[in-house]
Amino acid sequence: MLTGARDVISNDVKSAGVMDLRYRIDAEDRAGEIVHSLAFADAVKIIHQRA
């Protein structure tokens, strides 16, 4: 799940130059209940340059 989120984020950055962290990936059980959720913002660490 972590690798999948990072793949989506990196593809968006490569193709559009955009990192949109508003989304998430949900894992569901066979009944369709969400058993785990990973926010894109939790999949990467942003290091900002300080002035």
Protein backbone atom coordinates (compact mmCIF):
# COMPACT_ATOMS: atom_id res chain seq x y z
CA MET A 1 0.00 0.00 0.00
CA LEU A 2 2.81 2.42 0.87
CA THR A 3 4.66 1.66 -2.36
CA GLY A 4 1.45 2.05 -4.35
CA ALA A 5 0.77 5.49 -2.87
CA ARG A 6 4.32 6.58 -3.58
CA ASP A 7 4.06 5.30 -7.16
CA VAL A 8 0.91 7.34 -7.77
CA ILE A 9 2.46 10.45 -6.22
CA SER A 10 5.71 10.10 -8.19
CA ASN A 11 3.87 9.54 -11.48
CA ASP A 12 1.82 12.69 -10.90
CA VAL A 13 4.98 14.67 -10.17
CA LYS A 14 6.75 13.30 -13.25
CA SER A 15 3.86 13.83 -15.65
CA ALA A 16 2.21 17.00 -14.35
CA GLY A 17 4.64 18.49 -11.84
CA VAL A 18 1.93 18.27 -9.18
CA MET A 19 1.93 16.54 -5.79
CA ASP A 20 -1.68 16.26 -4.62
CA LEU A 21 -1.76 14.86 -1.10
CA ARG A 22 -5.55 15.12 -0.60
CA TYR A 23 -6.16 11.48 -1.53
CA ARG A 24 -5.76 8.12 0.17
CA ILE A 25 -5.69 4.42 -0.60
CA ASP A 26 -8.19 2.20 1.22
CA ALA A 27 -7.92 -1.55 1.71
CA GLU A 28 -11.22 -3.40 2.01
CA ASP A 29 -12.08 -6.85 3.24
CA ARG A 30 -14.26 -9.24 1.22
CA ALA A 31 -17.40 -7.63 2.63
CA GLY A 32 -16.30 -4.23 1.34
CA GLU A 33 -15.50 -2.81 4.76
CA ILE A 34 -12.44 -0.55 4.94
CA VAL A 35 -9.87 -2.28 7.13
CA HIS A 36 -6.93 0.04 6.50
CA SER A 37 -6.47 3.48 5.02
CA LEU A 38 -3.28 5.28 4.00
CA ALA A 39 -3.42 9.01 3.35
CA PHE A 40 -1.03 10.14 0.62
CA ALA A 41 0.26 12.80 3.03
CA ASP A 42 1.43 9.99 5.33
CA ALA A 43 3.28 8.21 2.49
CA VAL A 44 5.95 10.87 2.01
CA LYS A 45 8.03 13.24 4.08
CA ILE A 46 8.19 16.81 2.78
CA ILE A 47 11.38 18.70 3.57
CA HIS A 48 11.05 22.41 2.91
CA GLN A 49 14.01 24.63 2.15
CA ARG A 50 14.42 27.32 4.78
CA ALA A 51 15.27 30.85 3.73
